[in-house]
Amino acid sequence: MVAMTVPRSDELPPLTPGPITRAELDAMPDDGRRHELLDGMLLVTPAPTGMHQVAVIRLARLLGDSCPPGLEAIVAPFDVALAKDTVLQPDVLVAPWEDVIKRELSGPPLLAVEVLSPSTRRYDLLLKRSRYEAAGTPSYWVVDPDEPSVIAWELRDGAYADAGRASGDDALELTRPYPVRVVPAALVAPR
C-alpha cells in the first residue's frame, strides 16, 4: 500500500491573481481529486462515488463495444483542451484513435458524457454544456445515476438541440456519433 501525502498550502505553487492559467493547472498536485479549468476558473471535485463509477464504466463499455473502427471511447481522467482557459475531463468521451493516444485531446471530442453527482450537477448541466457547445462538440450527454436517466444533445447549426431522453428501462436510440442504444437503468442496476 502506498501512503498518499497531501501537500501543505505553503508547498503548493502560487496562483496568480485572476484567472487560473494552464501552466498552473498542470502544476497542481495529484491529490485524488479532479482538477479542471473552466473559463479560467479552477474546478476541484472530490473522488466520485461507487455508483457514479459503475455508470461510467458500463457506459464506456457500451460505447466502446459499439465504436466503429478508428474511434475510441475512454474515461476520465483525460484532458480535453477546449480553449487556452478551459481544460475539462469528461467522464466518458469518444474521439478518433489518433487523438486519444496523445497526452490530451486538443479540441472537442465527438462525444462528451458527464455522469451527474451532487457536487457537479450544476456545472455539468449549465457551464460544461455551454463550453462543449461553444467549442463545437457534436454530441453531449448527461447521465443521472440516481434517477436513472440520460439526456442527449446534438450540435445543430452551432447550438445544442435535444437528441433524446430516456429514464428507467426505456431505451434511448441515438445515431451520433454512431448508432448506440442506451437503457439508463442498465447503467446502474445490480447484476
N, C-alpha and C. Protein backbone atom coordinates (compact mmCIF):
# COMPACT_ATOMS: atom_id res chain seq x y z
N MET A 1 0.85 -1.17 0.00
CA MET A 1 0.00 0.00 0.00
C MET A 1 0.89 1.23 0.00
N VAL A 2 0.55 2.21 -0.82
CA VAL A 2 1.31 3.44 -0.91
C VAL A 2 0.57 4.51 -0.13
N ALA A 3 1.27 5.17 0.77
CA ALA A 3 0.66 6.25 1.54
C ALA A 3 0.68 7.51 0.70
N MET A 4 -0.44 8.22 0.71
CA MET A 4 -0.52 9.46 -0.05
C MET A 4 -0.40 10.62 0.92
N THR A 5 0.53 11.52 0.64
CA THR A 5 0.66 12.70 1.48
C THR A 5 0.01 13.87 0.78
N VAL A 6 -0.69 14.66 1.54
CA VAL A 6 -1.33 15.85 0.99
C VAL A 6 -0.40 17.03 1.24
N PRO A 7 -0.05 17.76 0.21
CA PRO A 7 0.87 18.87 0.40
C PRO A 7 0.26 19.96 1.27
N ARG A 8 1.10 20.62 2.05
CA ARG A 8 0.66 21.76 2.84
C ARG A 8 0.42 22.92 1.89
N SER A 9 -0.38 23.88 2.32
CA SER A 9 -0.70 25.01 1.44
C SER A 9 0.54 25.78 1.04
N ASP A 10 1.59 25.81 1.90
CA ASP A 10 2.80 26.53 1.52
C ASP A 10 3.67 25.75 0.54
N GLU A 11 3.30 24.48 0.25
CA GLU A 11 4.03 23.68 -0.73
C GLU A 11 3.40 23.75 -2.12
N LEU A 12 2.20 24.30 -2.21
CA LEU A 12 1.52 24.38 -3.49
C LEU A 12 2.08 25.54 -4.30
N PRO A 13 2.06 25.41 -5.63
CA PRO A 13 2.55 26.52 -6.44
C PRO A 13 1.65 27.74 -6.25
N PRO A 14 2.24 28.94 -6.24
CA PRO A 14 1.42 30.13 -6.05
C PRO A 14 0.52 30.34 -7.25
N LEU A 15 -0.69 30.80 -6.99
CA LEU A 15 -1.64 31.09 -8.05
C LEU A 15 -1.59 32.58 -8.36
N THR A 16 -1.68 32.91 -9.61
CA THR A 16 -1.69 34.32 -9.99
C THR A 16 -3.06 34.89 -9.71
N PRO A 17 -3.13 36.20 -9.46
CA PRO A 17 -4.45 36.80 -9.28
C PRO A 17 -5.25 36.70 -10.58
N GLY A 18 -6.53 36.55 -10.45
CA GLY A 18 -7.37 36.46 -11.64
C GLY A 18 -7.50 35.04 -12.12
N PRO A 19 -7.77 34.88 -13.41
CA PRO A 19 -8.00 33.54 -13.95
C PRO A 19 -6.78 32.62 -13.79
N ILE A 20 -7.05 31.36 -13.58
CA ILE A 20 -6.00 30.34 -13.47
C ILE A 20 -5.49 30.05 -14.88
N THR A 21 -4.19 29.83 -15.00
CA THR A 21 -3.60 29.52 -16.31
C THR A 21 -3.45 28.02 -16.48
N ARG A 22 -3.23 27.60 -17.70
CA ARG A 22 -2.99 26.19 -18.00
C ARG A 22 -1.74 25.70 -17.28
N ALA A 23 -0.70 26.53 -17.21
CA ALA A 23 0.54 26.14 -16.52
C ALA A 23 0.26 25.87 -15.04
N GLU A 24 -0.58 26.70 -14.42
CA GLU A 24 -0.93 26.48 -13.02
C GLU A 24 -1.74 25.20 -12.85
N LEU A 25 -2.63 24.93 -13.78
CA LEU A 25 -3.40 23.69 -13.74
C LEU A 25 -2.47 22.49 -13.81
N ASP A 26 -1.51 22.53 -14.73
CA ASP A 26 -0.57 21.42 -14.90
C ASP A 26 0.31 21.22 -13.67
N ALA A 27 0.52 22.27 -12.88
CA ALA A 27 1.37 22.18 -11.69
C ALA A 27 0.61 21.70 -10.45
N MET A 28 -0.70 21.52 -10.57
CA MET A 28 -1.49 21.07 -9.42
C MET A 28 -1.04 19.68 -8.99
N PRO A 29 -0.99 19.43 -7.68
CA PRO A 29 -0.57 18.11 -7.21
C PRO A 29 -1.63 17.05 -7.49
N ASP A 30 -1.21 15.81 -7.62
CA ASP A 30 -2.14 14.70 -7.79
C ASP A 30 -2.64 14.32 -6.41
N ASP A 31 -3.81 14.86 -6.05
CA ASP A 31 -4.34 14.66 -4.71
C ASP A 31 -5.60 13.79 -4.69
N GLY A 32 -5.86 13.07 -5.79
CA GLY A 32 -7.02 12.19 -5.84
C GLY A 32 -8.30 12.89 -6.23
N ARG A 33 -8.24 14.19 -6.45
CA ARG A 33 -9.41 14.94 -6.89
C ARG A 33 -9.23 15.34 -8.34
N ARG A 34 -10.34 15.65 -8.99
CA ARG A 34 -10.31 16.08 -10.38
C ARG A 34 -10.12 17.59 -10.42
N HIS A 35 -9.13 18.04 -11.19
CA HIS A 35 -8.86 19.46 -11.38
C HIS A 35 -9.17 19.81 -12.84
N GLU A 36 -10.10 20.73 -13.03
CA GLU A 36 -10.46 21.16 -14.37
C GLU A 36 -10.40 22.69 -14.42
N LEU A 37 -10.27 23.21 -15.61
CA LEU A 37 -10.20 24.65 -15.83
C LEU A 37 -11.37 25.04 -16.72
N LEU A 38 -12.23 25.91 -16.23
CA LEU A 38 -13.42 26.32 -16.97
C LEU A 38 -13.44 27.84 -17.05
N ASP A 39 -13.12 28.36 -18.23
CA ASP A 39 -13.05 29.81 -18.43
C ASP A 39 -12.13 30.47 -17.39
N GLY A 40 -11.00 29.84 -17.10
CA GLY A 40 -10.04 30.38 -16.16
C GLY A 40 -10.36 30.13 -14.70
N MET A 41 -11.48 29.47 -14.42
CA MET A 41 -11.88 29.16 -13.05
C MET A 41 -11.50 27.72 -12.74
N LEU A 42 -10.84 27.51 -11.62
CA LEU A 42 -10.42 26.17 -11.22
C LEU A 42 -11.60 25.44 -10.58
N LEU A 43 -11.93 24.25 -11.12
CA LEU A 43 -12.95 23.39 -10.54
C LEU A 43 -12.25 22.19 -9.93
N VAL A 44 -12.46 21.97 -8.66
CA VAL A 44 -11.88 20.82 -7.97
C VAL A 44 -13.04 20.02 -7.39
N THR A 45 -13.13 18.77 -7.81
CA THR A 45 -14.23 17.93 -7.32
C THR A 45 -13.65 16.71 -6.61
N PRO A 46 -14.38 16.21 -5.62
CA PRO A 46 -13.91 15.04 -4.89
C PRO A 46 -13.96 13.78 -5.74
N ALA A 47 -13.33 12.74 -5.25
CA ALA A 47 -13.39 11.45 -5.93
C ALA A 47 -14.86 11.04 -6.06
N PRO A 48 -15.23 10.42 -7.17
CA PRO A 48 -16.63 10.04 -7.38
C PRO A 48 -17.06 8.88 -6.51
N THR A 49 -18.39 8.72 -6.39
CA THR A 49 -18.95 7.61 -5.63
C THR A 49 -18.85 6.32 -6.44
N GLY A 50 -19.08 5.21 -5.79
CA GLY A 50 -19.07 3.92 -6.47
C GLY A 50 -20.14 3.84 -7.54
N MET A 51 -21.36 4.35 -7.26
CA MET A 51 -22.45 4.30 -8.24
C MET A 51 -22.09 5.12 -9.48
N HIS A 52 -21.47 6.26 -9.26
CA HIS A 52 -21.01 7.11 -10.37
C HIS A 52 -20.04 6.31 -11.24
N GLN A 53 -19.09 5.64 -10.62
CA GLN A 53 -18.09 4.89 -11.37
C GLN A 53 -18.70 3.68 -12.08
N VAL A 54 -19.68 3.03 -11.47
CA VAL A 54 -20.37 1.91 -12.14
C VAL A 54 -20.99 2.42 -13.43
N ALA A 55 -21.70 3.56 -13.36
CA ALA A 55 -22.33 4.12 -14.55
C ALA A 55 -21.29 4.49 -15.60
N VAL A 56 -20.18 5.08 -15.19
CA VAL A 56 -19.12 5.47 -16.12
C VAL A 56 -18.56 4.23 -16.83
N ILE A 57 -18.23 3.21 -16.07
CA ILE A 57 -17.62 2.01 -16.65
C ILE A 57 -18.58 1.29 -17.59
N ARG A 58 -19.84 1.16 -17.18
CA ARG A 58 -20.81 0.48 -18.04
C ARG A 58 -21.07 1.26 -19.32
N LEU A 59 -21.15 2.59 -19.21
CA LEU A 59 -21.36 3.39 -20.40
C LEU A 59 -20.14 3.34 -21.32
N ALA A 60 -18.96 3.40 -20.75
CA ALA A 60 -17.74 3.31 -21.56
C ALA A 60 -17.67 1.96 -22.28
N ARG A 61 -18.05 0.90 -21.59
CA ARG A 61 -18.06 -0.42 -22.22
C ARG A 61 -19.08 -0.47 -23.36
N LEU A 62 -20.28 0.07 -23.12
CA LEU A 62 -21.31 0.10 -24.15
C LEU A 62 -20.84 0.91 -25.37
N LEU A 63 -20.29 2.09 -25.13
CA LEU A 63 -19.81 2.92 -26.23
C LEU A 63 -18.61 2.29 -26.93
N GLY A 64 -17.72 1.68 -26.16
CA GLY A 64 -16.55 1.03 -26.74
C GLY A 64 -16.92 -0.15 -27.61
N ASP A 65 -17.89 -0.94 -27.16
CA ASP A 65 -18.33 -2.10 -27.93
C ASP A 65 -19.05 -1.68 -29.22
N SER A 66 -19.62 -0.48 -29.24
CA SER A 66 -20.35 0.00 -30.41
C SER A 66 -19.48 0.82 -31.37
N CYS A 67 -18.29 1.18 -30.94
CA CYS A 67 -17.40 2.06 -31.73
C CYS A 67 -17.06 1.47 -33.09
N PRO A 68 -17.18 2.26 -34.12
CA PRO A 68 -16.68 1.82 -35.42
C PRO A 68 -15.15 1.91 -35.43
N PRO A 69 -14.50 1.26 -36.38
CA PRO A 69 -13.04 1.34 -36.47
C PRO A 69 -12.57 2.79 -36.57
N GLY A 70 -11.49 3.08 -35.89
CA GLY A 70 -10.91 4.42 -35.94
C GLY A 70 -11.34 5.32 -34.81
N LEU A 71 -12.37 4.91 -34.04
CA LEU A 71 -12.82 5.70 -32.90
C LEU A 71 -12.57 4.92 -31.62
N GLU A 72 -12.50 5.65 -30.51
CA GLU A 72 -12.25 5.01 -29.22
C GLU A 72 -13.06 5.73 -28.15
N ALA A 73 -13.60 4.97 -27.20
CA ALA A 73 -14.27 5.51 -26.03
C ALA A 73 -13.32 5.36 -24.85
N ILE A 74 -13.07 6.46 -24.14
CA ILE A 74 -12.19 6.40 -22.97
C ILE A 74 -12.84 7.14 -21.81
N VAL A 75 -12.29 6.94 -20.62
CA VAL A 75 -12.84 7.54 -19.40
C VAL A 75 -11.84 8.52 -18.79
N ALA A 76 -12.36 9.38 -17.91
CA ALA A 76 -11.53 10.33 -17.17
C ALA A 76 -10.62 9.55 -16.21
N PRO A 77 -9.50 10.11 -15.88
CA PRO A 77 -9.05 11.45 -16.23
C PRO A 77 -8.32 11.48 -17.57
N PHE A 78 -8.74 12.37 -18.43
CA PHE A 78 -8.09 12.64 -19.70
C PHE A 78 -8.44 14.06 -20.09
N ASP A 79 -7.43 14.92 -20.24
CA ASP A 79 -7.66 16.33 -20.51
C ASP A 79 -8.21 16.56 -21.91
N VAL A 80 -9.22 17.42 -21.98
CA VAL A 80 -9.76 17.90 -23.24
C VAL A 80 -9.59 19.41 -23.22
N ALA A 81 -8.64 19.90 -24.01
CA ALA A 81 -8.33 21.33 -24.06
C ALA A 81 -9.25 21.99 -25.08
N LEU A 82 -10.27 22.69 -24.59
CA LEU A 82 -11.23 23.34 -25.47
C LEU A 82 -10.82 24.77 -25.81
N ALA A 83 -10.02 25.37 -24.94
CA ALA A 83 -9.53 26.74 -25.15
C ALA A 83 -8.34 26.94 -24.22
N LYS A 84 -7.65 28.08 -24.36
CA LYS A 84 -6.49 28.35 -23.50
C LYS A 84 -6.87 28.36 -22.03
N ASP A 85 -8.12 28.75 -21.75
CA ASP A 85 -8.56 28.85 -20.36
C ASP A 85 -9.57 27.78 -19.97
N THR A 86 -9.72 26.74 -20.79
CA THR A 86 -10.71 25.69 -20.50
C THR A 86 -10.15 24.32 -20.83
N VAL A 87 -9.93 23.53 -19.78
CA VAL A 87 -9.46 22.14 -19.91
C VAL A 87 -10.38 21.29 -19.05
N LEU A 88 -11.20 20.47 -19.70
CA LEU A 88 -12.17 19.64 -18.99
C LEU A 88 -11.78 18.18 -19.06
N GLN A 89 -12.38 17.39 -18.21
CA GLN A 89 -12.19 15.94 -18.19
C GLN A 89 -13.55 15.26 -18.14
N PRO A 90 -14.18 15.08 -19.31
CA PRO A 90 -15.49 14.41 -19.29
C PRO A 90 -15.35 13.00 -18.72
N ASP A 91 -16.42 12.53 -18.09
CA ASP A 91 -16.38 11.18 -17.51
C ASP A 91 -16.12 10.14 -18.58
N VAL A 92 -16.75 10.29 -19.74
CA VAL A 92 -16.54 9.40 -20.88
C VAL A 92 -16.47 10.29 -22.12
N LEU A 93 -15.61 9.93 -23.05
CA LEU A 93 -15.56 10.66 -24.31
C LEU A 93 -15.29 9.70 -25.45
N VAL A 94 -15.68 10.12 -26.64
CA VAL A 94 -15.39 9.37 -27.87
C VAL A 94 -14.65 10.32 -28.79
N ALA A 95 -13.53 9.83 -29.32
CA ALA A 95 -12.71 10.62 -30.24
C ALA A 95 -11.96 9.67 -31.16
N PRO A 96 -11.38 10.20 -32.23
CA PRO A 96 -10.56 9.36 -33.10
C PRO A 96 -9.37 8.76 -32.34
N TRP A 97 -9.02 7.54 -32.70
CA TRP A 97 -7.92 6.82 -32.05
C TRP A 97 -6.64 7.65 -32.01
N GLU A 98 -6.29 8.28 -33.14
CA GLU A 98 -5.03 9.02 -33.19
C GLU A 98 -5.01 10.21 -32.24
N ASP A 99 -6.18 10.67 -31.80
CA ASP A 99 -6.25 11.77 -30.85
C ASP A 99 -6.19 11.30 -29.40
N VAL A 100 -6.74 10.14 -29.10
CA VAL A 100 -6.77 9.69 -27.69
C VAL A 100 -5.45 9.07 -27.24
N ILE A 101 -4.55 8.79 -28.16
CA ILE A 101 -3.26 8.23 -27.74
C ILE A 101 -2.25 9.33 -27.41
N LYS A 102 -2.66 10.58 -27.52
CA LYS A 102 -1.80 11.72 -27.17
C LYS A 102 -1.99 12.05 -25.70
N ARG A 103 -1.21 13.02 -25.22
CA ARG A 103 -1.29 13.44 -23.82
C ARG A 103 -2.66 14.02 -23.48
N GLU A 104 -3.26 14.72 -24.44
CA GLU A 104 -4.56 15.35 -24.25
C GLU A 104 -5.26 15.45 -25.59
N LEU A 105 -6.53 15.72 -25.52
CA LEU A 105 -7.30 15.97 -26.73
C LEU A 105 -7.29 17.48 -26.94
N SER A 106 -6.71 17.92 -28.03
CA SER A 106 -6.61 19.36 -28.33
C SER A 106 -7.78 19.76 -29.21
N GLY A 107 -8.90 19.96 -28.59
CA GLY A 107 -10.12 20.31 -29.30
C GLY A 107 -11.25 19.42 -28.84
N PRO A 108 -12.42 19.63 -29.40
CA PRO A 108 -13.60 18.91 -28.90
C PRO A 108 -13.61 17.44 -29.31
N PRO A 109 -14.11 16.57 -28.41
CA PRO A 109 -14.33 15.18 -28.79
C PRO A 109 -15.59 15.08 -29.65
N LEU A 110 -15.82 13.92 -30.23
CA LEU A 110 -17.06 13.69 -30.97
C LEU A 110 -18.25 13.60 -30.01
N LEU A 111 -17.98 13.05 -28.83
CA LEU A 111 -19.00 12.90 -27.79
C LEU A 111 -18.34 13.13 -26.44
N ALA A 112 -18.97 13.95 -25.61
CA ALA A 112 -18.57 14.12 -24.22
C ALA A 112 -19.75 13.71 -23.36
N VAL A 113 -19.49 12.92 -22.32
CA VAL A 113 -20.54 12.47 -21.41
C VAL A 113 -20.14 12.81 -19.98
N GLU A 114 -21.05 13.42 -19.26
CA GLU A 114 -20.85 13.67 -17.84
C GLU A 114 -21.88 12.88 -17.06
N VAL A 115 -21.42 12.20 -16.01
CA VAL A 115 -22.31 11.48 -15.10
C VAL A 115 -22.50 12.40 -13.89
N LEU A 116 -23.74 12.77 -13.63
CA LEU A 116 -24.04 13.74 -12.59
C LEU A 116 -23.73 13.21 -11.20
N SER A 117 -23.28 14.12 -10.36
CA SER A 117 -23.15 13.86 -8.93
C SER A 117 -23.55 15.15 -8.24
N PRO A 118 -23.87 15.10 -6.95
CA PRO A 118 -24.32 16.33 -6.28
C PRO A 118 -23.34 17.50 -6.41
N SER A 119 -22.05 17.21 -6.39
CA SER A 119 -21.06 18.30 -6.45
C SER A 119 -20.84 18.85 -7.85
N THR A 120 -21.30 18.15 -8.89
CA THR A 120 -21.03 18.61 -10.26
C THR A 120 -22.29 18.91 -11.07
N ARG A 121 -23.45 18.60 -10.54
CA ARG A 121 -24.70 18.70 -11.30
C ARG A 121 -24.85 20.04 -12.02
N ARG A 122 -24.71 21.14 -11.31
CA ARG A 122 -24.91 22.46 -11.91
C ARG A 122 -23.87 22.75 -12.99
N TYR A 123 -22.61 22.42 -12.72
CA TYR A 123 -21.55 22.62 -13.72
C TYR A 123 -21.83 21.81 -14.98
N ASP A 124 -22.20 20.53 -14.79
CA ASP A 124 -22.41 19.64 -15.93
C ASP A 124 -23.58 20.07 -16.80
N LEU A 125 -24.68 20.49 -16.16
CA LEU A 125 -25.89 20.84 -16.91
C LEU A 125 -25.84 22.24 -17.52
N LEU A 126 -25.07 23.13 -16.94
CA LEU A 126 -25.06 24.50 -17.44
C LEU A 126 -23.71 24.90 -18.05
N LEU A 127 -22.70 25.03 -17.20
CA LEU A 127 -21.42 25.57 -17.67
C LEU A 127 -20.69 24.65 -18.64
N LYS A 128 -20.54 23.40 -18.27
CA LYS A 128 -19.83 22.49 -19.17
C LYS A 128 -20.60 22.29 -20.47
N ARG A 129 -21.89 22.15 -20.37
CA ARG A 129 -22.71 22.02 -21.59
C ARG A 129 -22.46 23.22 -22.51
N SER A 130 -22.46 24.41 -21.95
CA SER A 130 -22.23 25.63 -22.73
C SER A 130 -20.85 25.65 -23.37
N ARG A 131 -19.83 25.21 -22.64
CA ARG A 131 -18.46 25.21 -23.18
C ARG A 131 -18.30 24.15 -24.26
N TYR A 132 -18.87 22.97 -24.07
CA TYR A 132 -18.80 21.95 -25.12
C TYR A 132 -19.51 22.44 -26.38
N GLU A 133 -20.64 23.09 -26.20
CA GLU A 133 -21.40 23.63 -27.32
C GLU A 133 -20.57 24.69 -28.06
N ALA A 134 -20.00 25.64 -27.32
CA ALA A 134 -19.22 26.72 -27.92
C ALA A 134 -17.98 26.18 -28.64
N ALA A 135 -17.42 25.08 -28.14
CA ALA A 135 -16.21 24.50 -28.75
C ALA A 135 -16.54 23.65 -29.97
N GLY A 136 -17.83 23.37 -30.20
CA GLY A 136 -18.22 22.58 -31.36
C GLY A 136 -18.23 21.08 -31.14
N THR A 137 -18.42 20.64 -29.90
CA THR A 137 -18.53 19.21 -29.61
C THR A 137 -19.85 18.71 -30.19
N PRO A 138 -19.80 17.78 -31.16
CA PRO A 138 -21.03 17.37 -31.86
C PRO A 138 -22.11 16.76 -30.97
N SER A 139 -21.72 16.02 -29.93
CA SER A 139 -22.72 15.38 -29.07
C SER A 139 -22.32 15.52 -27.61
N TYR A 140 -23.30 15.81 -26.76
CA TYR A 140 -23.09 15.93 -25.32
C TYR A 140 -24.22 15.21 -24.61
N TRP A 141 -23.85 14.31 -23.69
CA TRP A 141 -24.85 13.56 -22.93
C TRP A 141 -24.62 13.80 -21.45
N VAL A 142 -25.72 13.74 -20.70
CA VAL A 142 -25.66 13.80 -19.25
C VAL A 142 -26.42 12.59 -18.72
N VAL A 143 -25.77 11.84 -17.84
CA VAL A 143 -26.35 10.65 -17.22
C VAL A 143 -26.61 10.95 -15.75
N ASP A 144 -27.82 10.70 -15.29
CA ASP A 144 -28.15 10.85 -13.87
C ASP A 144 -28.30 9.44 -13.29
N PRO A 145 -27.30 8.98 -12.52
CA PRO A 145 -27.38 7.61 -11.99
C PRO A 145 -28.44 7.45 -10.90
N ASP A 146 -28.88 8.55 -10.29
CA ASP A 146 -29.88 8.45 -9.22
C ASP A 146 -31.28 8.23 -9.76
N GLU A 147 -31.60 8.79 -10.92
CA GLU A 147 -32.96 8.70 -11.45
C GLU A 147 -33.29 7.31 -12.01
N PRO A 148 -32.63 6.53 -12.71
CA PRO A 148 -31.57 6.83 -13.67
C PRO A 148 -32.15 7.38 -14.98
N SER A 149 -31.36 8.26 -15.63
CA SER A 149 -31.80 8.86 -16.88
C SER A 149 -30.62 9.29 -17.73
N VAL A 150 -30.90 9.52 -19.01
CA VAL A 150 -29.91 10.03 -19.95
C VAL A 150 -30.58 11.12 -20.78
N ILE A 151 -29.88 12.25 -20.90
CA ILE A 151 -30.30 13.32 -21.80
C ILE A 151 -29.18 13.49 -22.81
N ALA A 152 -29.54 13.53 -24.09
CA ALA A 152 -28.55 13.69 -25.15
C ALA A 152 -28.87 14.92 -25.99
N TRP A 153 -27.82 15.68 -26.31
CA TRP A 153 -27.94 16.84 -27.18
C TRP A 153 -27.01 16.65 -28.37
N GLU A 154 -27.41 17.20 -29.51
CA GLU A 154 -26.58 17.20 -30.72
C GLU A 154 -26.43 18.63 -31.21
N LEU A 155 -25.25 18.92 -31.72
CA LEU A 155 -24.99 20.25 -32.26
C LEU A 155 -25.66 20.39 -33.62
N ARG A 156 -26.54 21.38 -33.73
CA ARG A 156 -27.23 21.66 -34.99
C ARG A 156 -27.18 23.16 -35.22
N ASP A 157 -26.57 23.56 -36.32
CA ASP A 157 -26.42 24.98 -36.64
C ASP A 157 -25.77 25.75 -35.50
N GLY A 158 -24.76 25.15 -34.87
CA GLY A 158 -23.99 25.82 -33.84
C GLY A 158 -24.59 25.84 -32.46
N ALA A 159 -25.73 25.20 -32.26
CA ALA A 159 -26.38 25.16 -30.95
C ALA A 159 -26.86 23.75 -30.63
N TYR A 160 -26.89 23.42 -29.35
CA TYR A 160 -27.37 22.10 -28.95
C TYR A 160 -28.89 22.01 -29.08
N ALA A 161 -29.32 20.92 -29.68
CA ALA A 161 -30.74 20.59 -29.79
C ALA A 161 -30.94 19.24 -29.10
N ASP A 162 -32.09 19.06 -28.53
CA ASP A 162 -32.41 17.80 -27.85
C ASP A 162 -32.38 16.65 -28.85
N ALA A 163 -31.54 15.64 -28.57
CA ALA A 163 -31.44 14.47 -29.45
C ALA A 163 -32.22 13.29 -28.88
N GLY A 164 -32.58 13.39 -27.61
CA GLY A 164 -33.36 12.32 -26.99
C GLY A 164 -33.17 12.27 -25.49
N ARG A 165 -34.15 11.67 -24.85
CA ARG A 165 -34.14 11.50 -23.39
C ARG A 165 -34.76 10.15 -23.07
N ALA A 166 -34.26 9.54 -22.03
CA ALA A 166 -34.85 8.28 -21.57
C ALA A 166 -34.59 8.15 -20.07
N SER A 167 -35.48 7.43 -19.41
CA SER A 167 -35.28 7.15 -18.00
C SER A 167 -35.71 5.72 -17.71
N GLY A 168 -35.19 5.20 -16.62
CA GLY A 168 -35.53 3.85 -16.20
C GLY A 168 -35.19 2.81 -17.24
N ASP A 169 -36.17 1.95 -17.55
CA ASP A 169 -35.96 0.87 -18.51
C ASP A 169 -36.25 1.26 -19.96
N ASP A 170 -36.61 2.51 -20.18
CA ASP A 170 -36.85 2.97 -21.55
C ASP A 170 -35.52 3.08 -22.29
N ALA A 171 -35.52 2.68 -23.56
CA ALA A 171 -34.30 2.73 -24.36
C ALA A 171 -34.20 4.05 -25.10
N LEU A 172 -32.99 4.55 -25.21
CA LEU A 172 -32.69 5.74 -25.99
C LEU A 172 -31.85 5.30 -27.18
N GLU A 173 -32.38 5.48 -28.37
CA GLU A 173 -31.69 5.10 -29.61
C GLU A 173 -31.07 6.37 -30.20
N LEU A 174 -29.75 6.39 -30.31
CA LEU A 174 -29.05 7.55 -30.84
C LEU A 174 -28.22 7.15 -32.06
N THR A 175 -27.99 8.11 -32.93
CA THR A 175 -27.22 7.83 -34.15
C THR A 175 -25.88 8.55 -34.19
N ARG A 176 -25.67 9.55 -33.29
CA ARG A 176 -24.42 10.28 -33.27
C ARG A 176 -23.72 10.07 -31.95
N PRO A 177 -22.45 9.84 -31.92
CA PRO A 177 -21.52 9.87 -33.05
C PRO A 177 -21.57 8.62 -33.92
N TYR A 178 -22.31 7.61 -33.46
CA TYR A 178 -22.57 6.38 -34.21
C TYR A 178 -23.77 5.72 -33.55
N PRO A 179 -24.42 4.78 -34.21
CA PRO A 179 -25.62 4.17 -33.62
C PRO A 179 -25.31 3.45 -32.29
N VAL A 180 -26.12 3.76 -31.29
CA VAL A 180 -25.98 3.13 -29.99
C VAL A 180 -27.34 3.19 -29.28
N ARG A 181 -27.59 2.17 -28.48
CA ARG A 181 -28.85 2.07 -27.72
C ARG A 181 -28.49 2.07 -26.24
N VAL A 182 -29.03 3.04 -25.49
CA VAL A 182 -28.72 3.20 -24.08
C VAL A 182 -29.99 2.98 -23.26
N VAL A 183 -29.92 2.10 -22.26
CA VAL A 183 -31.01 1.90 -21.31
C VAL A 183 -30.48 2.40 -19.96
N PRO A 184 -30.97 3.55 -19.48
CA PRO A 184 -30.42 4.15 -18.28
C PRO A 184 -30.36 3.21 -17.07
N ALA A 185 -31.41 2.44 -16.82
CA ALA A 185 -31.42 1.55 -15.66
C ALA A 185 -30.30 0.50 -15.74
N ALA A 186 -29.95 0.09 -16.95
CA ALA A 186 -28.89 -0.92 -17.11
C ALA A 186 -27.53 -0.37 -16.72
N LEU A 187 -27.38 0.95 -16.69
CA LEU A 187 -26.10 1.55 -16.32
C LEU A 187 -25.83 1.48 -14.83
N VAL A 188 -26.89 1.26 -14.03
CA VAL A 188 -26.71 1.30 -12.58
C VAL A 188 -27.35 0.12 -11.83
N ALA A 189 -28.04 -0.76 -12.55
CA ALA A 189 -28.73 -1.87 -11.89
C ALA A 189 -27.74 -2.91 -11.38
N PRO A 190 -28.05 -3.53 -10.23
CA PRO A 190 -27.17 -4.60 -9.76
C PRO A 190 -27.18 -5.76 -10.74
N ARG A 191 -26.11 -6.47 -10.81
CA ARG A 191 -26.02 -7.62 -11.72
C ARG A 191 -26.60 -8.84 -11.09
